[in-house]
Amino acid sequence: MRDSRRYLGLELAGAKNQKTSLAALEFYPKERKIFLLDIYDRITSHESQSSDEALLELIDELQPGIAKIGVNVPLELPPCISCSRKHCPMPAQCTVPAVKWMRDLNDQLSQSNYQERKILEFTPYTQRPFELWARYLILPELPPAMAFEIDETLGGNRAPLTARMHFLKRHLQETPLVEVWPKLSIALLARDLGMDHGAVTHYRSLEDGIHCREEILARLSQGKGIFIYDRDMRKLAQSLAAFDAFICAFTALLTDQTECAPPPRGFPVKSGWVHYPGI
C-alpha cells in the first residue's frame, strides 16, 4: 500500500512557447514530511509529439499516486459562456446562480460605499464570481505592497490559456484538479511566515526576482518543512515558471490539510473556486 501522496503543480503557458513547467511534491502523512520530487521545466513539443502530448505523457509517468494537480489557469468558464439558455435576459435580470451572486455582491458593495472604492460593472462573459470576491474581499486584506492586478478568465492574457486548459481537462478526467493563483498564495504564505514585503513585491521582477525567490523558498522550506535539494532550489529560483509550478503543487497539498480558505456561504462553487491559504 502506498504510504505517500503526490501533488503536482502546473504552470501552464501557451502551447507554442517553452514556459510550461510541472513540479512534483511527495507528501508522507505519517511522518508529516514533504519532499520536492522533481521539477520539469520548459515542457514543449518535439519531433514526434505536440506540447500537449508531451505534457500529458509526463503527467501519466508520474502516476499512480497523484492526489491532486494545482493549476495556474481557470478550470471553469465564465457563467455566460457556459450558459445553455436560448434567451438571455441580460445580467441585470439573470437568474443563473453565478450571475445572480455577482450582481448581488456588486449591489451590496455599491450600497455600502465599500471602503470608498469604486465598484466596477461586472461582465459575466469574461469574469467569474471568484474574481469579484478576490478583488473586493481578499486583496484589500493584503498589505498594499502585496496587491496585484487580477487577470479575468477570458481577458486578453488569460483567454488562450483557459482554452488550452479546457482541452487538457478532457484528458485528465481521472485526476482531481484545483485552481491556484500563485501570486495570491505567495502573498498569504509570506504573511503567515512574517516575511518582508519586498520579497513578495519583487519575486517576479527580472532584476531582483532570483534573489527574492531564493528568500521565499528558504523561508518556506524552513517554516513549512519542505525538503528541497540544493540543485532544485537553484532551479526554482532561476525559473519563475518552475517556481510558480512549485507554489501550485504546495497549495494543492494544503487543500487536503484543511489549510485553505473555504468558499463563503452561498458562493456558487460550480462557477469555479480558486484555492488559497487561509487568511
C-alpha atoms as a PDB file:
ATOM      1  CA  MET A   1       0.000   0.000   0.000  1.00  0.00           C
ATOM      2  CA  ARG A   2       1.351   3.409  -0.955  1.00  0.00           C
ATOM      3  CA  ASP A   3       2.316   5.442   2.125  1.00  0.00           C
ATOM      4  CA  SER A   4       2.752   8.765   0.346  1.00  0.00           C
ATOM      5  CA  ARG A   5       0.683  11.166  -1.727  1.00  0.00           C
ATOM      6  CA  ARG A   6       1.898  13.009  -4.786  1.00  0.00           C
ATOM      7  CA  TYR A   7       0.879  16.569  -5.556  1.00  0.00           C
ATOM      8  CA  LEU A   8       1.677  18.206  -8.877  1.00  0.00           C
ATOM      9  CA  GLY A   9       1.777  21.868  -9.736  1.00  0.00           C
ATOM     10  CA  LEU A  10       1.256  23.006 -13.315  1.00  0.00           C
ATOM     11  CA  GLU A  11       2.325  26.423 -14.534  1.00  0.00           C
ATOM     12  CA  LEU A  12       0.642  26.332 -17.919  1.00  0.00           C
ATOM     13  CA  ALA A  13       1.898  28.580 -20.693  1.00  0.00           C
ATOM     14  CA  GLY A  14       0.988  28.797 -24.363  1.00  0.00           C
ATOM     15  CA  ALA A  15       1.292  25.611 -26.390  1.00  0.00           C
ATOM     16  CA  LYS A  16       3.771  27.253 -28.770  1.00  0.00           C
ATOM     17  CA  ASN A  17       6.308  28.535 -26.246  1.00  0.00           C
ATOM     18  CA  GLN A  18       8.665  26.854 -23.794  1.00  0.00           C
ATOM     19  CA  LYS A  19       7.454  28.228 -20.451  1.00  0.00           C
ATOM     20  CA  THR A  20       5.212  25.403 -19.214  1.00  0.00           C
ATOM     21  CA  SER A  21       6.560  23.831 -16.015  1.00  0.00           C
ATOM     22  CA  LEU A  22       5.500  20.963 -13.774  1.00  0.00           C
ATOM     23  CA  ALA A  23       6.511  20.422 -10.147  1.00  0.00           C
ATOM     24  CA  ALA A  24       6.023  17.212  -8.173  1.00  0.00           C
ATOM     25  CA  LEU A  25       5.839  17.061  -4.364  1.00  0.00           C
ATOM     26  CA  GLU A  26       5.809  13.844  -2.358  1.00  0.00           C
ATOM     27  CA  PHE A  27       3.982  14.030   0.975  1.00  0.00           C
ATOM     28  CA  TYR A  28       4.331  11.394   3.710  1.00  0.00           C
ATOM     29  CA  PRO A  29       1.322  11.861   6.025  1.00  0.00           C
ATOM     30  CA  LYS A  30       2.570   9.617   8.820  1.00  0.00           C
ATOM     31  CA  GLU A  31       5.885  11.450   9.134  1.00  0.00           C
ATOM     32  CA  ARG A  32       4.384  14.812   8.087  1.00  0.00           C
ATOM     33  CA  LYS A  33       7.269  15.297   5.671  1.00  0.00           C
ATOM     34  CA  ILE A  34       7.223  16.964   2.245  1.00  0.00           C
ATOM     35  CA  PHE A  35       9.847  16.408  -0.438  1.00  0.00           C
ATOM     36  CA  LEU A  36      10.253  18.124  -3.779  1.00  0.00           C
ATOM     37  CA  LEU A  37      10.407  15.092  -6.035  1.00  0.00           C
ATOM     38  CA  ASP A  38      11.321  16.860  -9.282  1.00  0.00           C
ATOM     39  CA  ILE A  39      10.894  19.927 -11.474  1.00  0.00           C
ATOM     40  CA  TYR A  40      10.146  19.614 -15.181  1.00  0.00           C
ATOM     41  CA  ASP A  41      10.853  22.924 -16.865  1.00  0.00           C
ATOM     42  CA  ARG A  42      10.313  24.034 -20.474  1.00  0.00           C
ATOM     43  CA  ILE A  43       7.859  21.301 -21.453  1.00  0.00           C
ATOM     44  CA  THR A  44       7.377  21.749 -25.156  1.00  0.00           C
ATOM     45  CA  SER A  45       6.861  19.927 -28.430  1.00  0.00           C
ATOM     46  CA  HIS A  46       9.499  17.897 -30.228  1.00  0.00           C
ATOM     47  CA  GLU A  47       9.727  15.852 -33.404  1.00  0.00           C
ATOM     48  CA  SER A  48       7.206  13.140 -32.534  1.00  0.00           C
ATOM     49  CA  GLN A  49       4.928  14.934 -30.026  1.00  0.00           C
ATOM     50  CA  SER A  50       2.958  18.114 -29.639  1.00  0.00           C
ATOM     51  CA  SER A  51       3.466  20.112 -26.453  1.00  0.00           C
ATOM     52  CA  ASP A  52       0.089  18.883 -25.168  1.00  0.00           C
ATOM     53  CA  GLU A  53       1.044  15.261 -25.789  1.00  0.00           C
ATOM     54  CA  ALA A  54       4.411  15.768 -24.087  1.00  0.00           C
ATOM     55  CA  LEU A  55       2.759  17.302 -21.021  1.00  0.00           C
ATOM     56  CA  LEU A  56       0.093  14.596 -20.727  1.00  0.00           C
ATOM     57  CA  GLU A  57       2.687  11.844 -21.139  1.00  0.00           C
ATOM     58  CA  LEU A  58       4.776  13.361 -18.344  1.00  0.00           C
ATOM     59  CA  ILE A  59       1.778  13.517 -16.013  1.00  0.00           C
ATOM     60  CA  ASP A  60       0.955   9.913 -16.872  1.00  0.00           C
ATOM     61  CA  GLU A  61       4.517   8.872 -15.994  1.00  0.00           C
ATOM     62  CA  LEU A  62       4.058  10.389 -12.521  1.00  0.00           C
ATOM     63  CA  GLN A  63       1.067   8.113 -11.903  1.00  0.00           C
ATOM     64  CA  PRO A  64      -0.027   6.255  -9.854  1.00  0.00           C
ATOM     65  CA  GLY A  65      -0.437   8.152  -6.652  1.00  0.00           C
ATOM     66  CA  ILE A  66      -1.265  11.664  -7.858  1.00  0.00           C
ATOM     67  CA  ALA A  67      -3.625  13.056  -5.244  1.00  0.00           C
ATOM     68  CA  LYS A  68      -4.219  16.412  -6.925  1.00  0.00           C
ATOM     69  CA  ILE A  69      -2.830  18.789  -9.504  1.00  0.00           C
ATOM     70  CA  GLY A  70      -2.801  22.513  -8.787  1.00  0.00           C
ATOM     71  CA  VAL A  71      -3.019  24.581 -11.976  1.00  0.00           C
ATOM     72  CA  ASN A  72      -2.433  28.288 -12.521  1.00  0.00           C
ATOM     73  CA  VAL A  73      -5.243  28.883 -15.030  1.00  0.00           C
ATOM     74  CA  PRO A  74      -9.065  28.838 -14.858  1.00  0.00           C
ATOM     75  CA  LEU A  75     -10.751  25.451 -14.705  1.00  0.00           C
ATOM     76  CA  GLU A  76     -14.240  26.846 -15.272  1.00  0.00           C
ATOM     77  CA  LEU A  77     -15.581  29.281 -17.855  1.00  0.00           C
ATOM     78  CA  PRO A  78     -17.499  32.488 -17.049  1.00  0.00           C
ATOM     79  CA  PRO A  79     -21.204  31.779 -16.480  1.00  0.00           C
ATOM     80  CA  CYS A  80     -22.410  33.428 -19.706  1.00  0.00           C
ATOM     81  CA  ILE A  81     -20.037  31.345 -21.825  1.00  0.00           C
ATOM     82  CA  SER A  82     -21.193  28.050 -20.341  1.00  0.00           C
ATOM     83  CA  CYS A  83     -24.886  29.063 -20.294  1.00  0.00           C
ATOM     84  CA  SER A  84     -27.178  26.860 -22.386  1.00  0.00           C
ATOM     85  CA  ARG A  85     -30.302  29.055 -22.230  1.00  0.00           C
ATOM     86  CA  LYS A  86     -31.764  30.027 -25.583  1.00  0.00           C
ATOM     87  CA  HIS A  87     -32.787  33.518 -24.480  1.00  0.00           C
ATOM     88  CA  CYS A  88     -30.566  35.837 -22.408  1.00  0.00           C
ATOM     89  CA  PRO A  89     -32.374  38.245 -20.052  1.00  0.00           C
ATOM     90  CA  MET A  90     -29.153  40.293 -19.609  1.00  0.00           C
ATOM     91  CA  PRO A  91     -27.170  40.239 -16.353  1.00  0.00           C
ATOM     92  CA  ALA A  92     -29.461  42.716 -14.595  1.00  0.00           C
ATOM     93  CA  GLN A  93     -32.331  40.190 -14.664  1.00  0.00           C
ATOM     94  CA  CYS A  94     -30.465  36.877 -14.972  1.00  0.00           C
ATOM     95  CA  THR A  95     -31.406  34.106 -12.513  1.00  0.00           C
ATOM     96  CA  VAL A  96     -28.393  31.869 -13.169  1.00  0.00           C
ATOM     97  CA  PRO A  97     -26.906  31.390  -9.647  1.00  0.00           C
ATOM     98  CA  ALA A  98     -23.407  32.567 -10.560  1.00  0.00           C
ATOM     99  CA  VAL A  99     -24.621  35.716 -12.336  1.00  0.00           C
ATOM    100  CA  LYS A 100     -27.121  36.492  -9.584  1.00  0.00           C
ATOM    101  CA  TRP A 101     -24.378  36.141  -6.971  1.00  0.00           C
ATOM    102  CA  MET A 102     -22.137  38.567  -8.882  1.00  0.00           C
ATOM    103  CA  ARG A 103     -24.977  41.062  -9.239  1.00  0.00           C
ATOM    104  CA  ASP A 104     -25.943  40.797  -5.569  1.00  0.00           C
ATOM    105  CA  LEU A 105     -22.353  41.288  -4.428  1.00  0.00           C
ATOM    106  CA  ASN A 106     -21.909  44.355  -6.619  1.00  0.00           C
ATOM    107  CA  ASP A 107     -25.196  45.812  -5.353  1.00  0.00           C
ATOM    108  CA  GLN A 108     -24.280  45.198  -1.717  1.00  0.00           C
ATOM    109  CA  LEU A 109     -20.858  46.778  -2.071  1.00  0.00           C
ATOM    110  CA  SER A 110     -22.200  49.745  -4.032  1.00  0.00           C
ATOM    111  CA  GLN A 111     -24.911  50.459  -1.445  1.00  0.00           C
ATOM    112  CA  SER A 112     -22.461  50.255   1.437  1.00  0.00           C
ATOM    113  CA  ASN A 113     -19.955  52.587  -0.262  1.00  0.00           C
ATOM    114  CA  TYR A 114     -17.431  49.824   0.287  1.00  0.00           C
ATOM    115  CA  GLN A 115     -14.224  51.346   1.621  1.00  0.00           C
ATOM    116  CA  GLU A 116     -14.997  54.338  -0.613  1.00  0.00           C
ATOM    117  CA  ARG A 117     -13.791  52.289  -3.572  1.00  0.00           C
ATOM    118  CA  LYS A 118     -15.406  52.399  -6.983  1.00  0.00           C
ATOM    119  CA  ILE A 119     -17.322  49.207  -7.683  1.00  0.00           C
ATOM    120  CA  LEU A 120     -16.843  48.353 -11.334  1.00  0.00           C
ATOM    121  CA  GLU A 121     -19.504  46.953 -13.637  1.00  0.00           C
ATOM    122  CA  PHE A 122     -19.164  43.177 -13.824  1.00  0.00           C
ATOM    123  CA  THR A 123     -19.103  41.229 -17.092  1.00  0.00           C
ATOM    124  CA  PRO A 124     -20.163  37.588 -16.601  1.00  0.00           C
ATOM    125  CA  TYR A 125     -18.949  36.690 -20.084  1.00  0.00           C
ATOM    126  CA  THR A 126     -15.311  37.431 -19.156  1.00  0.00           C
ATOM    127  CA  GLN A 127     -15.388  37.175 -15.341  1.00  0.00           C
ATOM    128  CA  ARG A 128     -16.332  34.556 -12.785  1.00  0.00           C
ATOM    129  CA  PRO A 129     -17.679  35.155  -9.270  1.00  0.00           C
ATOM    130  CA  PHE A 130     -14.325  34.406  -7.665  1.00  0.00           C
ATOM    131  CA  GLU A 131     -12.662  37.274  -9.492  1.00  0.00           C
ATOM    132  CA  LEU A 132     -15.094  39.712  -7.860  1.00  0.00           C
ATOM    133  CA  TRP A 133     -14.624  38.020  -4.492  1.00  0.00           C
ATOM    134  CA  ALA A 134     -10.860  38.351  -4.779  1.00  0.00           C
ATOM    135  CA  ARG A 135     -10.953  41.963  -5.997  1.00  0.00           C
ATOM    136  CA  TYR A 136     -13.188  43.285  -3.228  1.00  0.00           C
ATOM    137  CA  LEU A 137     -12.871  40.856  -0.315  1.00  0.00           C
ATOM    138  CA  ILE A 138      -9.376  39.322  -0.452  1.00  0.00           C
ATOM    139  CA  LEU A 139      -6.927  41.810  -1.937  1.00  0.00           C
ATOM    140  CA  PRO A 140      -7.991  44.672   0.390  1.00  0.00           C
ATOM    141  CA  GLU A 141      -6.900  42.455   3.307  1.00  0.00           C
ATOM    142  CA  LEU A 142      -3.329  42.328   1.997  1.00  0.00           C
ATOM    143  CA  PRO A 143      -0.681  44.988   2.580  1.00  0.00           C
ATOM    144  CA  PRO A 144      -0.717  47.426  -0.393  1.00  0.00           C
ATOM    145  CA  ALA A 145       2.759  46.281  -1.436  1.00  0.00           C
ATOM    146  CA  MET A 146       1.454  42.736  -1.977  1.00  0.00           C
ATOM    147  CA  ALA A 147      -1.552  43.699  -4.124  1.00  0.00           C
ATOM    148  CA  PHE A 148      -1.656  42.671  -7.793  1.00  0.00           C
ATOM    149  CA  GLU A 149      -3.827  43.038 -10.857  1.00  0.00           C
ATOM    150  CA  ILE A 150      -6.424  40.317 -11.405  1.00  0.00           C
ATOM    151  CA  ASP A 151      -6.455  38.654 -14.817  1.00  0.00           C
ATOM    152  CA  GLU A 152     -10.011  37.902 -15.899  1.00  0.00           C
ATOM    153  CA  THR A 153     -10.798  34.369 -17.050  1.00  0.00           C
ATOM    154  CA  LEU A 154     -11.363  35.450 -20.644  1.00  0.00           C
ATOM    155  CA  GLY A 155      -9.302  38.606 -20.554  1.00  0.00           C
ATOM    156  CA  GLY A 156      -6.684  39.202 -23.221  1.00  0.00           C
ATOM    157  CA  ASN A 157      -3.847  37.483 -21.338  1.00  0.00           C
ATOM    158  CA  ARG A 158      -5.849  34.618 -19.867  1.00  0.00           C
ATOM    159  CA  ALA A 159      -8.207  33.524 -22.629  1.00  0.00           C
ATOM    160  CA  PRO A 160      -5.753  31.386 -24.686  1.00  0.00           C
ATOM    161  CA  LEU A 161      -4.521  29.608 -21.551  1.00  0.00           C
ATOM    162  CA  THR A 162      -8.077  28.990 -20.373  1.00  0.00           C
ATOM    163  CA  ALA A 163      -8.861  27.427 -23.739  1.00  0.00           C
ATOM    164  CA  ARG A 164      -5.785  25.210 -23.582  1.00  0.00           C
ATOM    165  CA  MET A 165      -6.607  24.066 -20.055  1.00  0.00           C
ATOM    166  CA  HIS A 166     -10.132  23.119 -21.064  1.00  0.00           C
ATOM    167  CA  PHE A 167      -8.688  20.958 -23.828  1.00  0.00           C
ATOM    168  CA  LEU A 168      -6.304  19.275 -21.359  1.00  0.00           C
ATOM    169  CA  LYS A 169      -9.082  18.680 -18.817  1.00  0.00           C
ATOM    170  CA  ARG A 170     -10.684  16.221 -21.229  1.00  0.00           C
ATOM    171  CA  HIS A 171      -7.553  14.076 -20.878  1.00  0.00           C
ATOM    172  CA  LEU A 172      -7.227  14.447 -17.098  1.00  0.00           C
ATOM    173  CA  GLN A 173     -10.697  13.421 -16.027  1.00  0.00           C
ATOM    174  CA  GLU A 174      -9.408  10.819 -13.563  1.00  0.00           C
ATOM    175  CA  THR A 175      -7.173  13.283 -11.733  1.00  0.00           C
ATOM    176  CA  PRO A 176      -8.537  15.880  -9.274  1.00  0.00           C
ATOM    177  CA  LEU A 177      -7.642  19.405 -10.381  1.00  0.00           C
ATOM    178  CA  VAL A 178      -7.649  22.566  -8.254  1.00  0.00           C
ATOM    179  CA  GLU A 179      -7.138  26.122  -9.427  1.00  0.00           C
ATOM    180  CA  VAL A 180      -4.402  28.204  -7.804  1.00  0.00           C
ATOM    181  CA  TRP A 181      -3.258  31.794  -8.174  1.00  0.00           C
ATOM    182  CA  PRO A 182       0.483  31.666  -7.346  1.00  0.00           C
ATOM    183  CA  LYS A 183       0.584  35.420  -6.665  1.00  0.00           C
ATOM    184  CA  LEU A 184      -2.175  35.101  -4.078  1.00  0.00           C
ATOM    185  CA  SER A 185      -0.700  32.002  -2.447  1.00  0.00           C
ATOM    186  CA  ILE A 186       2.705  33.665  -2.195  1.00  0.00           C
ATOM    187  CA  ALA A 187       1.284  36.816  -0.605  1.00  0.00           C
ATOM    188  CA  LEU A 188      -0.626  34.857   2.024  1.00  0.00           C
ATOM    189  CA  LEU A 189       2.159  32.357   2.748  1.00  0.00           C
ATOM    190  CA  ALA A 190       4.654  35.199   3.102  1.00  0.00           C
ATOM    191  CA  ARG A 191       2.372  36.975   5.539  1.00  0.00           C
ATOM    192  CA  ASP A 192       1.930  33.770   7.525  1.00  0.00           C
ATOM    193  CA  LEU A 193       5.709  33.364   7.738  1.00  0.00           C
ATOM    194  CA  GLY A 194       6.260  37.010   8.665  1.00  0.00           C
ATOM    195  CA  MET A 195       8.314  37.698   5.565  1.00  0.00           C
ATOM    196  CA  ASP A 196       9.427  41.087   4.356  1.00  0.00           C
ATOM    197  CA  HIS A 197       7.054  42.640   1.819  1.00  0.00           C
ATOM    198  CA  GLY A 198       9.918  43.358  -0.560  1.00  0.00           C
ATOM    199  CA  ALA A 199      10.493  39.704  -1.433  1.00  0.00           C
ATOM    200  CA  VAL A 200       6.848  39.273  -2.432  1.00  0.00           C
ATOM    201  CA  THR A 201       6.696  42.562  -4.316  1.00  0.00           C
ATOM    202  CA  HIS A 202       9.725  41.787  -6.472  1.00  0.00           C
ATOM    203  CA  TYR A 203       9.751  37.982  -6.761  1.00  0.00           C
ATOM    204  CA  ARG A 204       8.612  38.220 -10.401  1.00  0.00           C
ATOM    205  CA  SER A 205      10.993  41.002 -11.446  1.00  0.00           C
ATOM    206  CA  LEU A 206      13.866  40.499 -13.873  1.00  0.00           C
ATOM    207  CA  GLU A 207      16.456  42.262 -11.745  1.00  0.00           C
ATOM    208  CA  ASP A 208      15.691  41.092  -8.206  1.00  0.00           C
ATOM    209  CA  GLY A 209      13.486  38.071  -8.880  1.00  0.00           C
ATOM    210  CA  ILE A 210      16.059  35.332  -8.361  1.00  0.00           C
ATOM    211  CA  HIS A 211      17.200  36.708  -5.005  1.00  0.00           C
ATOM    212  CA  CYS A 212      13.595  37.191  -3.835  1.00  0.00           C
ATOM    213  CA  ARG A 213      12.583  33.685  -4.884  1.00  0.00           C
ATOM    214  CA  GLU A 214      15.585  32.274  -3.034  1.00  0.00           C
ATOM    215  CA  GLU A 215      14.468  34.104   0.095  1.00  0.00           C
ATOM    216  CA  ILE A 216      10.875  32.878  -0.213  1.00  0.00           C
ATOM    217  CA  LEU A 217      11.989  29.287  -0.827  1.00  0.00           C
ATOM    218  CA  ALA A 218      14.330  29.325   2.157  1.00  0.00           C
ATOM    219  CA  ARG A 219      11.563  30.555   4.454  1.00  0.00           C
ATOM    220  CA  LEU A 220       9.036  28.067   3.059  1.00  0.00           C
ATOM    221  CA  SER A 221      11.482  25.220   3.381  1.00  0.00           C
ATOM    222  CA  GLN A 222      12.208  26.105   6.986  1.00  0.00           C
ATOM    223  CA  GLY A 223       8.741  27.227   8.057  1.00  0.00           C
ATOM    224  CA  LYS A 224       6.682  24.560   6.276  1.00  0.00           C
ATOM    225  CA  GLY A 225       9.075  21.628   6.484  1.00  0.00           C
ATOM    226  CA  ILE A 226       9.675  21.157   2.768  1.00  0.00           C
ATOM    227  CA  PHE A 227      12.875  19.354   1.802  1.00  0.00           C
ATOM    228  CA  ILE A 228      14.410  20.677  -1.419  1.00  0.00           C
ATOM    229  CA  TYR A 229      17.777  19.600  -2.807  1.00  0.00           C
ATOM    230  CA  ASP A 230      20.217  22.432  -3.446  1.00  0.00           C
ATOM    231  CA  ARG A 231      20.185  21.832  -7.212  1.00  0.00           C
ATOM    232  CA  ASP A 232      16.385  22.065  -7.257  1.00  0.00           C
ATOM    233  CA  MET A 233      16.465  25.138  -5.045  1.00  0.00           C
ATOM    234  CA  ARG A 234      18.653  26.842  -7.663  1.00  0.00           C
ATOM    235  CA  LYS A 235      16.382  25.672 -10.469  1.00  0.00           C
ATOM    236  CA  LEU A 236      13.278  27.049  -8.744  1.00  0.00           C
ATOM    237  CA  ALA A 237      14.969  30.364  -8.046  1.00  0.00           C
ATOM    238  CA  GLN A 238      16.247  30.782 -11.599  1.00  0.00           C
ATOM    239  CA  SER A 239      12.966  29.893 -13.337  1.00  0.00           C
ATOM    240  CA  LEU A 240       9.843  31.889 -12.470  1.00  0.00           C
ATOM    241  CA  ALA A 241       7.655  29.299 -14.239  1.00  0.00           C
ATOM    242  CA  ALA A 242       9.174  26.456 -12.204  1.00  0.00           C
ATOM    243  CA  PHE A 243       8.773  28.496  -9.013  1.00  0.00           C
ATOM    244  CA  ASP A 244       5.077  29.125  -9.704  1.00  0.00           C
ATOM    245  CA  ALA A 245       4.569  25.432 -10.508  1.00  0.00           C
ATOM    246  CA  PHE A 246       6.048  24.589  -7.104  1.00  0.00           C
ATOM    247  CA  ILE A 247       3.660  27.039  -5.406  1.00  0.00           C
ATOM    248  CA  CYS A 248       0.723  25.453  -7.255  1.00  0.00           C
ATOM    249  CA  ALA A 249       1.768  21.989  -6.043  1.00  0.00           C
ATOM    250  CA  PHE A 250       2.192  23.147  -2.447  1.00  0.00           C
ATOM    251  CA  THR A 251      -1.183  24.924  -2.457  1.00  0.00           C
ATOM    252  CA  ALA A 252      -2.816  21.753  -3.827  1.00  0.00           C
ATOM    253  CA  LEU A 253      -1.300  19.872  -0.897  1.00  0.00           C
ATOM    254  CA  LEU A 254      -2.663  22.456   1.548  1.00  0.00           C
ATOM    255  CA  THR A 255      -6.189  21.855   0.257  1.00  0.00           C
ATOM    256  CA  ASP A 256      -6.008  18.324   1.704  1.00  0.00           C
ATOM    257  CA  GLN A 257      -4.683  19.654   5.016  1.00  0.00           C
ATOM    258  CA  THR A 258      -7.699  21.947   5.536  1.00  0.00           C
ATOM    259  CA  GLU A 259      -5.300  24.892   5.440  1.00  0.00           C
ATOM    260  CA  CYS A 260      -7.006  26.669   2.565  1.00  0.00           C
ATOM    261  CA  ALA A 261      -9.880  29.127   2.844  1.00  0.00           C
ATOM    262  CA  PRO A 262     -13.360  27.666   2.249  1.00  0.00           C
ATOM    263  CA  PRO A 263     -15.842  29.377  -0.093  1.00  0.00           C
ATOM    264  CA  PRO A 264     -18.132  31.859   1.660  1.00  0.00           C
ATOM    265  CA  ARG A 265     -21.653  30.773   2.475  1.00  0.00           C
ATOM    266  CA  GLY A 266     -23.853  30.813  -0.602  1.00  0.00           C
ATOM    267  CA  PHE A 267     -20.958  31.050  -3.051  1.00  0.00           C
ATOM    268  CA  PRO A 268     -21.726  29.323  -6.410  1.00  0.00           C
ATOM    269  CA  VAL A 269     -18.851  26.859  -6.220  1.00  0.00           C
ATOM    270  CA  LYS A 270     -19.695  25.282  -9.581  1.00  0.00           C
ATOM    271  CA  SER A 271     -18.598  28.559 -11.192  1.00  0.00           C
ATOM    272  CA  GLY A 272     -15.035  27.903 -10.056  1.00  0.00           C
ATOM    273  CA  TRP A 273     -13.169  28.429  -6.808  1.00  0.00           C
ATOM    274  CA  VAL A 274      -9.500  29.382  -6.517  1.00  0.00           C
ATOM    275  CA  HIS A 275      -7.792  27.669  -3.601  1.00  0.00           C
ATOM    276  CA  TYR A 276      -5.583  29.846  -1.409  1.00  0.00           C
ATOM    277  CA  PRO A 277      -4.050  29.589   2.076  1.00  0.00           C
ATOM    278  CA  GLY A 278      -6.488  30.698   4.783  1.00  0.00           C
ATOM    279  CA  ILE A 279      -6.342  34.384   5.676  1.00  0.00           C
END
